[in-house]
């Protein structure tokens, strides 16, 4: 059973988004996603200052099982990346909602956050996938 914090927004591709209440968001992968991937061994991070559109690939996460592309749920500018993942990618497995965050983004359209799934909708999605 995956942990799904209620203060976050989610995507159907299993990214979470935290509204930092200052026009920026923090993005990572969900507990369900890291469980599915297995032990994370590498995270490819984008460059800060990079402008990205919603749906665009912003990095890659590799585990002992597979490599998966990471897709941006919202448009904006990358203002920070979690450089500690270069040396400790396992933080994504151990603390996906805390130390395992991947990027921070300055939103191009702050209202777009409302279009993402809330915890209840994401829980329903995960339950349907788990069968």
Protein backbone atom coordinates (compact mmCIF):
# COMPACT_ATOMS: atom_id res chain seq x y z
CA UNK A 1 0.00 0.00 0.00
CA UNK A 2 1.51 3.27 -1.15
CA UNK A 3 1.68 6.35 1.05
CA UNK A 4 -0.23 9.28 -0.56
CA UNK A 5 0.13 12.62 1.26
CA UNK A 6 -3.02 14.76 1.04
CA UNK A 7 -1.16 18.10 0.69
CA UNK A 8 0.25 17.24 -2.74
CA UNK A 9 -1.05 17.14 -6.32
CA UNK A 10 -0.35 14.16 -8.57
CA UNK A 11 -0.10 13.11 -12.20
CA UNK A 12 -1.27 9.91 -13.84
CA UNK A 13 2.41 9.25 -14.66
CA UNK A 14 3.16 9.14 -10.91
CA UNK A 15 4.88 12.45 -10.25
CA UNK A 16 3.93 14.50 -7.18
CA UNK A 17 3.83 18.28 -6.98
CA UNK A 18 4.11 20.40 -3.84
CA UNK A 19 2.87 24.00 -4.04
CA UNK A 20 5.52 26.09 -2.25
CA UNK A 21 3.08 29.06 -2.09
CA UNK A 22 5.58 31.41 -3.75
CA UNK A 23 4.98 30.67 -7.43
CA UNK A 24 7.24 27.63 -7.32
CA UNK A 25 6.58 23.92 -6.94
CA UNK A 26 8.70 20.97 -5.87
CA UNK A 27 8.39 17.82 -8.00
CA UNK A 28 9.34 14.20 -7.38
CA UNK A 29 8.05 10.70 -8.00
CA UNK A 30 5.45 9.06 -5.81
CA UNK A 31 5.89 6.26 -3.32
CA UNK A 32 3.98 4.00 -5.73
CA UNK A 33 6.41 4.90 -8.55
CA UNK A 34 9.54 4.22 -6.51
CA UNK A 35 8.09 0.88 -5.32
CA UNK A 36 7.42 -0.11 -8.93
CA UNK A 37 10.91 0.91 -10.04
CA UNK A 38 12.81 -0.90 -7.30
CA UNK A 39 16.20 0.31 -6.09
CA UNK A 40 17.03 3.64 -7.76
CA UNK A 41 20.67 3.81 -8.85
CA UNK A 42 20.81 7.01 -10.94
CA UNK A 43 18.79 10.19 -11.52
CA UNK A 44 19.51 12.42 -14.52
CA UNK A 45 18.68 16.02 -13.63
CA UNK A 46 17.96 18.96 -15.96
CA UNK A 47 19.99 22.18 -15.95
CA UNK A 48 18.73 25.03 -13.79
CA UNK A 49 17.39 27.93 -15.81
CA UNK A 50 15.93 25.58 -18.40
CA UNK A 51 12.43 26.48 -19.64
CA UNK A 52 10.21 23.42 -20.04
CA UNK A 53 6.68 22.80 -21.21
CA UNK A 54 4.12 20.57 -19.52
CA UNK A 55 4.49 17.01 -20.79
CA UNK A 56 8.14 17.51 -21.75
CA UNK A 57 10.77 15.02 -20.57
CA UNK A 58 12.95 16.61 -17.90
CA UNK A 59 15.13 13.72 -16.81
CA UNK A 60 15.59 10.01 -16.42
CA UNK A 61 15.47 7.79 -13.37
CA UNK A 62 17.26 4.45 -13.48
CA UNK A 63 16.75 1.52 -11.17
CA UNK A 64 18.06 -2.01 -11.02
CA UNK A 65 14.93 -3.00 -13.00
CA UNK A 66 14.54 -0.30 -15.65
CA UNK A 67 15.10 3.27 -16.81
CA UNK A 68 12.10 5.59 -16.91
CA UNK A 69 11.70 9.04 -18.38
CA UNK A 70 10.44 11.80 -16.08
CA UNK A 71 7.77 14.09 -17.51
CA UNK A 72 7.01 17.60 -16.36
CA UNK A 73 3.41 18.02 -15.19
CA UNK A 74 3.48 21.84 -15.51
CA UNK A 75 5.26 24.45 -17.64
CA UNK A 76 7.94 26.65 -16.14
CA UNK A 77 11.60 27.31 -15.41
CA UNK A 78 13.80 24.90 -13.47
CA UNK A 79 15.02 26.95 -10.50
CA UNK A 80 16.66 24.15 -8.48
CA UNK A 81 17.62 20.50 -8.80
CA UNK A 82 18.30 18.04 -5.99
CA UNK A 83 22.05 17.67 -6.53
CA UNK A 84 22.32 15.30 -3.55
CA UNK A 85 20.66 12.64 -5.76
CA UNK A 86 23.88 12.45 -7.80
CA UNK A 87 25.64 10.83 -4.83
CA UNK A 88 22.57 9.38 -3.07
CA UNK A 89 19.93 8.36 -5.62
CA UNK A 90 18.52 5.92 -3.06
CA UNK A 91 16.89 8.92 -1.33
CA UNK A 92 14.13 8.58 -3.94
CA UNK A 93 13.34 5.14 -2.48
CA UNK A 94 13.87 6.00 1.16
CA UNK A 95 12.08 9.38 1.33
CA UNK A 96 10.25 10.04 -1.98
CA UNK A 97 8.32 13.01 -0.54
CA UNK A 98 11.17 14.62 1.42
CA UNK A 99 14.88 14.15 0.59
CA UNK A 100 13.98 12.38 -2.68
CA UNK A 101 12.53 15.47 -4.42
CA UNK A 102 13.91 15.95 -7.92
CA UNK A 103 13.37 19.53 -9.15
CA UNK A 104 11.86 22.88 -8.22
CA UNK A 105 10.03 24.80 -10.88
CA UNK A 106 8.91 28.44 -11.19
CA UNK A 107 5.47 28.06 -12.70
CA UNK A 108 4.57 29.70 -16.00
CA UNK A 109 0.88 29.36 -15.10
CA UNK A 110 0.20 28.95 -11.34
CA UNK A 111 -3.47 28.11 -11.97
CA UNK A 112 -2.43 24.97 -13.90
CA UNK A 113 -1.74 23.28 -10.56
CA UNK A 114 -5.48 22.89 -9.99
CA UNK A 115 -5.77 20.61 -13.05
CA UNK A 116 -3.62 17.92 -11.41
CA UNK A 117 -5.05 15.02 -9.41
CA UNK A 118 -5.74 15.44 -5.71
CA UNK A 119 -4.83 12.68 -3.25
CA UNK A 120 -8.25 11.00 -3.49
CA UNK A 121 -8.16 10.84 -7.30
CA UNK A 122 -4.55 9.62 -7.28
CA UNK A 123 -5.40 6.94 -4.71
CA UNK A 124 -8.19 5.72 -7.02
CA UNK A 125 -5.74 5.61 -9.93
CA UNK A 126 -3.19 3.59 -7.93
CA UNK A 127 -5.88 1.22 -6.64
CA UNK A 128 -7.08 0.59 -10.20
CA UNK A 129 -3.50 -0.13 -11.36
CA UNK A 130 -2.86 -2.51 -8.47
CA UNK A 131 -6.06 -4.32 -9.41
